[in-house]
Amino acid sequence: QAHLPFMRHWRHVSYKESAGHIKEIGAQNFVLGTDLGQTGNPSQPDGYAMLVSGLMAEGIGREQIITMGREVPGKLLMG
């Protein structure tokens, strides 16, 4: 259930669908992120843990997670 009423009409994207896009396009083109932390939703650390676990369950490897969670954001921030 979405926290804000207008968000209740947004489409849910599954881990399977997200993993498919990552596999098709390449982890080097993604940044891991969430907008969690609102009342009634998991905290950001818990949300990231769920995101990583869900993607790994769909075949995304540790190196791909590191690429999307550390390397790509670092390049964006540091140039």
N, C-alpha and C. Protein backbone atom coordinates (compact mmCIF):
# COMPACT_ATOMS: atom_id res chain seq x y z
N GLN A 1 0.84 -1.18 0.00
CA GLN A 1 0.00 0.00 0.00
C GLN A 1 0.88 1.24 0.00
N ALA A 2 0.60 2.14 -0.88
CA ALA A 2 1.38 3.37 -0.99
C ALA A 2 1.04 4.32 0.16
N HIS A 3 2.04 5.08 0.59
CA HIS A 3 1.86 6.03 1.69
C HIS A 3 0.98 7.21 1.29
N LEU A 4 1.20 7.74 0.10
CA LEU A 4 0.43 8.89 -0.38
C LEU A 4 -0.67 8.41 -1.33
N PRO A 5 -1.88 8.94 -1.19
CA PRO A 5 -3.00 8.46 -2.00
C PRO A 5 -2.74 8.47 -3.51
N PHE A 6 -2.08 9.51 -4.02
CA PHE A 6 -1.87 9.57 -5.47
C PHE A 6 -0.91 8.50 -5.97
N MET A 7 -0.14 7.90 -5.08
CA MET A 7 0.82 6.87 -5.49
C MET A 7 0.16 5.50 -5.59
N ARG A 8 -1.04 5.36 -5.13
CA ARG A 8 -1.71 4.05 -5.13
C ARG A 8 -2.05 3.57 -6.53
N HIS A 9 -1.97 4.46 -7.49
CA HIS A 9 -2.30 4.09 -8.87
C HIS A 9 -1.05 3.79 -9.70
N TRP A 10 0.11 3.90 -9.10
CA TRP A 10 1.35 3.61 -9.83
C TRP A 10 1.51 2.11 -9.96
N ARG A 11 2.14 1.71 -11.03
CA ARG A 11 2.35 0.29 -11.29
C ARG A 11 3.51 -0.23 -10.44
N HIS A 12 3.31 -1.39 -9.84
CA HIS A 12 4.36 -2.06 -9.08
C HIS A 12 5.31 -2.74 -10.06
N VAL A 13 6.60 -2.56 -9.87
CA VAL A 13 7.61 -3.21 -10.71
C VAL A 13 8.25 -4.31 -9.87
N SER A 14 8.17 -5.54 -10.35
CA SER A 14 8.68 -6.68 -9.60
C SER A 14 10.20 -6.77 -9.67
N TYR A 15 10.78 -7.52 -8.74
CA TYR A 15 12.22 -7.77 -8.78
C TYR A 15 12.57 -8.49 -10.08
N LYS A 16 11.70 -9.41 -10.51
CA LYS A 16 11.95 -10.15 -11.74
C LYS A 16 12.04 -9.21 -12.94
N GLU A 17 11.12 -8.27 -13.03
CA GLU A 17 11.14 -7.32 -14.14
C GLU A 17 12.38 -6.43 -14.07
N SER A 18 12.69 -5.94 -12.88
CA SER A 18 13.89 -5.10 -12.72
C SER A 18 15.15 -5.87 -13.08
N ALA A 19 15.25 -7.11 -12.61
CA ALA A 19 16.42 -7.94 -12.93
C ALA A 19 16.52 -8.17 -14.43
N GLY A 20 15.41 -8.36 -15.09
CA GLY A 20 15.42 -8.54 -16.54
C GLY A 20 15.99 -7.33 -17.26
N HIS A 21 15.62 -6.14 -16.82
CA HIS A 21 16.16 -4.92 -17.43
C HIS A 21 17.66 -4.80 -17.17
N ILE A 22 18.08 -5.11 -15.96
CA ILE A 22 19.50 -5.05 -15.62
C ILE A 22 20.29 -6.01 -16.49
N LYS A 23 19.78 -7.23 -16.65
CA LYS A 23 20.47 -8.23 -17.48
C LYS A 23 20.51 -7.79 -18.94
N GLU A 24 19.45 -7.18 -19.41
CA GLU A 24 19.37 -6.77 -20.82
C GLU A 24 20.25 -5.57 -21.13
N ILE A 25 20.24 -4.58 -20.26
CA ILE A 25 20.92 -3.31 -20.53
C ILE A 25 22.31 -3.25 -19.92
N GLY A 26 22.51 -3.95 -18.80
CA GLY A 26 23.81 -3.96 -18.14
C GLY A 26 23.81 -3.14 -16.86
N ALA A 27 24.40 -3.70 -15.81
CA ALA A 27 24.43 -3.06 -14.49
C ALA A 27 25.12 -1.71 -14.53
N GLN A 28 26.04 -1.51 -15.46
CA GLN A 28 26.78 -0.25 -15.55
C GLN A 28 25.87 0.92 -15.94
N ASN A 29 24.63 0.64 -16.29
CA ASN A 29 23.67 1.68 -16.68
C ASN A 29 22.59 1.93 -15.63
N PHE A 30 22.78 1.40 -14.42
CA PHE A 30 21.78 1.52 -13.36
C PHE A 30 22.40 2.03 -12.07
N VAL A 31 21.58 2.69 -11.27
CA VAL A 31 21.94 3.09 -9.90
C VAL A 31 20.87 2.51 -8.99
N LEU A 32 21.29 1.84 -7.92
CA LEU A 32 20.32 1.34 -6.95
C LEU A 32 19.81 2.50 -6.11
N GLY A 33 18.52 2.54 -5.90
CA GLY A 33 17.95 3.59 -5.07
C GLY A 33 16.54 3.25 -4.62
N THR A 34 16.12 3.87 -3.55
CA THR A 34 14.76 3.70 -3.06
C THR A 34 14.25 5.04 -2.54
N ASP A 35 12.96 5.14 -2.41
CA ASP A 35 12.37 6.32 -1.78
C ASP A 35 11.67 5.91 -0.49
N LEU A 36 12.14 4.85 0.12
CA LEU A 36 11.52 4.34 1.35
C LEU A 36 11.86 5.23 2.54
N GLY A 37 11.25 4.90 3.67
CA GLY A 37 11.52 5.62 4.90
C GLY A 37 10.30 6.35 5.44
N GLN A 38 9.21 6.41 4.65
CA GLN A 38 8.00 7.07 5.14
C GLN A 38 7.32 6.20 6.20
N THR A 39 6.45 6.82 6.96
CA THR A 39 5.67 6.11 7.96
C THR A 39 4.96 4.93 7.30
N GLY A 40 5.09 3.77 7.91
CA GLY A 40 4.42 2.60 7.38
C GLY A 40 5.21 1.82 6.34
N ASN A 41 6.35 2.36 5.92
CA ASN A 41 7.22 1.67 4.97
C ASN A 41 8.52 1.29 5.65
N PRO A 42 9.27 0.34 5.09
CA PRO A 42 10.55 -0.02 5.68
C PRO A 42 11.51 1.17 5.71
N SER A 43 12.48 1.10 6.62
CA SER A 43 13.53 2.12 6.67
C SER A 43 14.40 1.98 5.42
N GLN A 44 15.22 2.99 5.14
CA GLN A 44 16.10 2.91 3.96
C GLN A 44 17.04 1.70 4.04
N PRO A 45 17.71 1.45 5.18
CA PRO A 45 18.59 0.26 5.23
C PRO A 45 17.83 -1.04 5.01
N ASP A 46 16.67 -1.17 5.63
CA ASP A 46 15.87 -2.39 5.43
C ASP A 46 15.39 -2.50 3.99
N GLY A 47 15.01 -1.36 3.40
CA GLY A 47 14.57 -1.35 2.01
C GLY A 47 15.67 -1.76 1.05
N TYR A 48 16.88 -1.25 1.29
CA TYR A 48 18.01 -1.64 0.44
C TYR A 48 18.30 -3.13 0.58
N ALA A 49 18.23 -3.65 1.80
CA ALA A 49 18.46 -5.08 2.01
C ALA A 49 17.43 -5.91 1.25
N MET A 50 16.17 -5.48 1.28
CA MET A 50 15.12 -6.19 0.54
C MET A 50 15.36 -6.09 -0.96
N LEU A 51 15.76 -4.91 -1.44
CA LEU A 51 16.02 -4.70 -2.86
C LEU A 51 17.15 -5.61 -3.34
N VAL A 52 18.25 -5.62 -2.61
CA VAL A 52 19.40 -6.45 -2.99
C VAL A 52 19.03 -7.92 -2.95
N SER A 53 18.36 -8.36 -1.89
CA SER A 53 17.96 -9.77 -1.79
C SER A 53 17.03 -10.17 -2.92
N GLY A 54 16.08 -9.30 -3.23
CA GLY A 54 15.14 -9.59 -4.31
C GLY A 54 15.81 -9.68 -5.66
N LEU A 55 16.73 -8.77 -5.94
CA LEU A 55 17.46 -8.81 -7.21
C LEU A 55 18.36 -10.04 -7.30
N MET A 56 19.02 -10.37 -6.19
CA MET A 56 19.90 -11.54 -6.20
C MET A 56 19.09 -12.83 -6.37
N ALA A 57 17.90 -12.87 -5.81
CA ALA A 57 17.03 -14.04 -5.98
C ALA A 57 16.61 -14.21 -7.43
N GLU A 58 16.67 -13.13 -8.20
CA GLU A 58 16.32 -13.17 -9.63
C GLU A 58 17.55 -13.27 -10.52
N GLY A 59 18.70 -13.59 -9.93
CA GLY A 59 19.89 -13.87 -10.74
C GLY A 59 20.87 -12.73 -10.91
N ILE A 60 20.68 -11.63 -10.21
CA ILE A 60 21.65 -10.53 -10.27
C ILE A 60 22.77 -10.86 -9.29
N GLY A 61 24.00 -10.82 -9.76
CA GLY A 61 25.14 -11.22 -8.95
C GLY A 61 25.70 -10.11 -8.08
N ARG A 62 26.54 -10.52 -7.15
CA ARG A 62 27.17 -9.58 -6.21
C ARG A 62 27.93 -8.48 -6.94
N GLU A 63 28.66 -8.83 -7.97
CA GLU A 63 29.44 -7.83 -8.72
C GLU A 63 28.52 -6.81 -9.39
N GLN A 64 27.39 -7.27 -9.88
CA GLN A 64 26.43 -6.34 -10.49
C GLN A 64 25.84 -5.40 -9.43
N ILE A 65 25.58 -5.93 -8.24
CA ILE A 65 25.07 -5.10 -7.14
C ILE A 65 26.11 -4.05 -6.77
N ILE A 66 27.36 -4.44 -6.67
CA ILE A 66 28.44 -3.49 -6.36
C ILE A 66 28.53 -2.43 -7.44
N THR A 67 28.42 -2.83 -8.68
CA THR A 67 28.47 -1.87 -9.79
C THR A 67 27.36 -0.83 -9.64
N MET A 68 26.13 -1.29 -9.41
CA MET A 68 24.98 -0.38 -9.34
C MET A 68 24.91 0.41 -8.04
N GLY A 69 25.45 -0.16 -6.97
CA GLY A 69 25.34 0.47 -5.66
C GLY A 69 26.53 1.31 -5.25
N ARG A 70 27.70 1.04 -5.86
CA ARG A 70 28.91 1.75 -5.47
C ARG A 70 29.60 2.43 -6.65
N GLU A 71 29.88 1.66 -7.69
CA GLU A 71 30.71 2.18 -8.78
C GLU A 71 30.00 3.25 -9.61
N VAL A 72 28.78 2.97 -10.06
CA VAL A 72 28.06 3.95 -10.89
C VAL A 72 27.77 5.23 -10.10
N PRO A 73 27.25 5.14 -8.86
CA PRO A 73 27.03 6.38 -8.11
C PRO A 73 28.33 7.15 -7.87
N GLY A 74 29.42 6.44 -7.61
CA GLY A 74 30.71 7.10 -7.41
C GLY A 74 31.15 7.87 -8.64
N LYS A 75 30.98 7.27 -9.80
CA LYS A 75 31.34 7.95 -11.05
C LYS A 75 30.46 9.18 -11.28
N LEU A 76 29.19 9.06 -10.96
CA LEU A 76 28.29 10.20 -11.13
C LEU A 76 28.65 11.35 -10.19
N LEU A 77 29.04 11.02 -8.97
CA LEU A 77 29.37 12.05 -8.00
C LEU A 77 30.76 12.65 -8.19
N MET A 78 31.70 11.81 -8.58
CA MET A 78 33.10 12.25 -8.65
C MET A 78 33.59 12.52 -10.06
N GLY A 79 32.81 12.14 -11.04
CA GLY A 79 33.18 12.40 -12.44
C GLY A 79 34.07 11.36 -13.04
